[in-house]
Amino acid sequence: MDQFEKLNLIRKIQEVQSQCCTHEKEILISIDDYFKGNDESHCIILANTSVNLSSKEFEKFLRNLKRKDNVMDVFIRFYDYEDAMDYEDAWINSDTVFLITSADVQKVKSWFQGLEPSSVKEETCLNEFVNLPYIPEKYRIINVWWD
């Protein structure tokens, strides 16, 4: 686990947090930023599942989704970094992937079928996000969450 990259990511998150008035807003992390230096043998996002994918394997899966014609982008939800600050072998916590896509919820569910998500749903409160990019007409943000 690359400590330099982990601290860089924490600094980026803190910068976004400083731009908003509350820590209750959702912060989106790019795939590049989240996985750079992250070499967990079992990806923290999938920690509560029977799926045993490393961070690198999960990153590859998400990058393949991002290449789909009907996917504009894929983001990781920032959850917290307390463990990452306290322990060298801990990464920034997350439990959710967000996709900006023109695909419907059922299609997105099918993409994640083997990864045991707890829920797949369309986000309707877009003002909950601090750094959400522009979403083109006919696209939506889909929340894939693991409990």
Protein backbone atom coordinates (compact mmCIF):
# COMPACT_ATOMS: atom_id res chain seq x y z
CA MET A 1 0.00 0.00 0.00
CA ASP A 2 1.53 3.25 -1.15
CA GLN A 3 1.39 5.64 1.82
CA PHE A 4 2.32 8.65 -0.31
CA GLU A 5 -0.63 8.05 -2.68
CA LYS A 6 -2.97 7.38 0.25
CA LEU A 7 -2.04 10.71 1.85
CA ASN A 8 -2.41 12.48 -1.50
CA LEU A 9 -5.95 11.11 -1.78
CA ILE A 10 -6.79 12.15 1.78
CA ARG A 11 -5.54 15.67 0.99
CA LYS A 12 -7.74 15.80 -2.13
CA ILE A 13 -10.75 14.69 -0.08
CA GLN A 14 -10.00 17.30 2.59
CA GLU A 15 -9.77 19.97 -0.10
CA VAL A 16 -13.23 19.04 -1.43
CA GLN A 17 -14.58 18.95 2.13
CA SER A 18 -13.23 22.45 2.75
CA GLN A 19 -15.17 23.76 -0.26
CA CYS A 20 -18.54 22.77 1.16
CA CYS A 21 -20.23 23.79 4.36
CA THR A 22 -21.04 20.29 5.60
CA HIS A 23 -19.47 16.85 5.77
CA GLU A 24 -22.87 15.29 5.07
CA LYS A 25 -22.59 15.82 1.31
CA GLU A 26 -21.45 12.96 -0.91
CA ILE A 27 -17.93 13.20 -2.31
CA LEU A 28 -17.10 11.34 -5.50
CA ILE A 29 -13.61 9.96 -6.06
CA SER A 30 -12.37 9.08 -9.53
CA ILE A 31 -11.24 5.53 -10.24
CA ASP A 32 -7.74 6.87 -10.92
CA ASP A 33 -7.53 8.63 -7.57
CA TYR A 34 -9.12 5.87 -5.49
CA PHE A 35 -7.06 2.97 -6.78
CA LYS A 36 -3.68 4.68 -7.26
CA GLY A 37 -1.43 3.03 -4.69
CA ASN A 38 -4.26 0.82 -3.38
CA ASP A 39 -3.14 -2.81 -3.48
CA GLU A 40 -5.46 -4.41 -0.93
CA SER A 41 -5.73 -8.17 -1.35
CA HIS A 42 -9.48 -7.89 -0.60
CA CYS A 43 -11.09 -4.66 -1.78
CA ILE A 44 -12.63 -2.78 1.16
CA ILE A 45 -15.71 -1.90 -0.90
CA LEU A 46 -16.58 -5.61 -1.10
CA ALA A 47 -15.59 -6.34 2.52
CA ASN A 48 -19.03 -7.56 3.61
CA THR A 49 -19.52 -10.01 0.76
CA SER A 50 -18.26 -13.49 -0.03
CA VAL A 51 -16.61 -12.05 -3.16
CA ASN A 52 -12.84 -12.11 -2.86
CA LEU A 53 -11.53 -9.53 -5.31
CA SER A 54 -8.37 -7.54 -4.79
CA SER A 55 -8.48 -3.79 -5.27
CA LYS A 56 -6.65 -4.20 -8.59
CA GLU A 57 -9.22 -6.76 -9.81
CA PHE A 58 -12.14 -4.55 -8.76
CA GLU A 59 -10.50 -1.55 -10.43
CA LYS A 60 -10.19 -3.56 -13.66
CA PHE A 61 -13.89 -4.52 -13.43
CA LEU A 62 -14.90 -0.86 -12.98
CA ARG A 63 -12.65 0.32 -15.82
CA ASN A 64 -14.30 -2.23 -18.11
CA LEU A 65 -17.71 -0.81 -17.13
CA LYS A 66 -16.47 2.71 -17.83
CA ARG A 67 -15.59 1.64 -21.39
CA LYS A 68 -19.22 0.74 -22.16
CA ASP A 69 -20.91 3.02 -24.67
CA ASN A 70 -23.74 3.74 -22.23
CA VAL A 71 -21.49 4.64 -19.27
CA MET A 72 -20.15 8.17 -19.04
CA ASP A 73 -18.17 7.73 -15.83
CA VAL A 74 -17.68 5.63 -12.70
CA PHE A 75 -16.89 7.01 -9.25
CA ILE A 76 -16.17 5.70 -5.78
CA ARG A 77 -18.05 7.20 -2.84
CA PHE A 78 -15.87 8.64 -0.10
CA TYR A 79 -16.96 7.22 3.25
CA ASP A 80 -14.16 7.97 5.72
CA TYR A 81 -10.41 7.92 6.14
CA GLU A 82 -10.00 7.53 9.91
CA ASP A 83 -8.69 3.94 9.65
CA ALA A 84 -6.44 4.96 6.76
CA MET A 85 -4.91 7.68 8.93
CA ASP A 86 -4.43 5.35 11.90
CA TYR A 87 -3.19 2.19 10.16
CA GLU A 88 -0.62 1.81 7.39
CA ASP A 89 -2.41 -1.26 6.01
CA ALA A 90 -5.84 0.44 5.78
CA TRP A 91 -7.18 2.33 2.76
CA ILE A 92 -9.83 5.04 2.44
CA ASN A 93 -13.20 3.46 3.27
CA SER A 94 -16.03 3.18 0.79
CA ASP A 95 -19.15 1.09 0.37
CA THR A 96 -20.58 2.50 -2.86
CA VAL A 97 -19.87 2.87 -6.56
CA PHE A 98 -21.68 5.53 -8.59
CA LEU A 99 -22.17 5.18 -12.34
CA ILE A 100 -23.27 7.95 -14.67
CA THR A 101 -25.06 5.97 -17.34
CA SER A 102 -27.95 5.87 -19.75
CA ALA A 103 -28.59 2.24 -18.76
CA ASP A 104 -31.55 1.51 -16.52
CA VAL A 105 -31.27 0.13 -13.00
CA GLN A 106 -32.01 -3.46 -14.08
CA LYS A 107 -29.19 -3.38 -16.63
CA VAL A 108 -26.75 -2.01 -14.06
CA LYS A 109 -27.87 -4.72 -11.59
CA SER A 110 -26.99 -7.32 -14.20
CA TRP A 111 -23.47 -5.90 -14.55
CA PHE A 112 -22.87 -6.29 -10.79
CA GLN A 113 -24.75 -9.57 -10.36
CA GLY A 114 -21.80 -11.68 -9.18
CA LEU A 115 -20.51 -9.03 -6.78
CA GLU A 116 -23.43 -9.26 -4.32
CA PRO A 117 -24.42 -5.59 -3.98
CA SER A 118 -26.96 -4.89 -1.24
CA SER A 119 -28.77 -2.40 -3.42
CA VAL A 120 -28.71 -0.84 -6.88
CA LYS A 121 -30.85 2.27 -7.31
CA GLU A 122 -31.10 5.54 -9.17
CA GLU A 123 -30.04 8.63 -7.24
CA THR A 124 -32.73 11.29 -7.24
CA CYS A 125 -31.32 13.90 -4.84
CA LEU A 126 -28.45 15.22 -6.91
CA ASN A 127 -27.97 18.20 -4.59
CA GLU A 128 -26.54 15.71 -2.05
CA PHE A 129 -23.26 15.70 -4.01
CA VAL A 130 -20.41 18.17 -3.64
CA ASN A 131 -18.50 17.43 -6.83
CA LEU A 132 -20.95 15.81 -9.22
CA PRO A 133 -20.05 16.41 -12.86
CA TYR A 134 -22.60 17.50 -15.44
CA ILE A 135 -25.04 14.69 -16.26
CA PRO A 136 -26.27 14.82 -19.87
CA GLU A 137 -29.90 14.39 -20.81
CA LYS A 138 -31.01 10.72 -20.79
CA TYR A 139 -28.24 9.86 -18.31
CA ARG A 140 -28.67 9.21 -14.61
CA ILE A 141 -26.54 8.41 -11.61
CA ILE A 142 -26.88 4.86 -10.33
CA ASN A 143 -25.83 3.98 -6.79
CA VAL A 144 -24.40 0.47 -6.25
CA TRP A 145 -24.08 -0.09 -2.50
CA TRP A 146 -22.65 -2.86 -0.34
CA ASP A 147 -23.80 -3.06 3.29
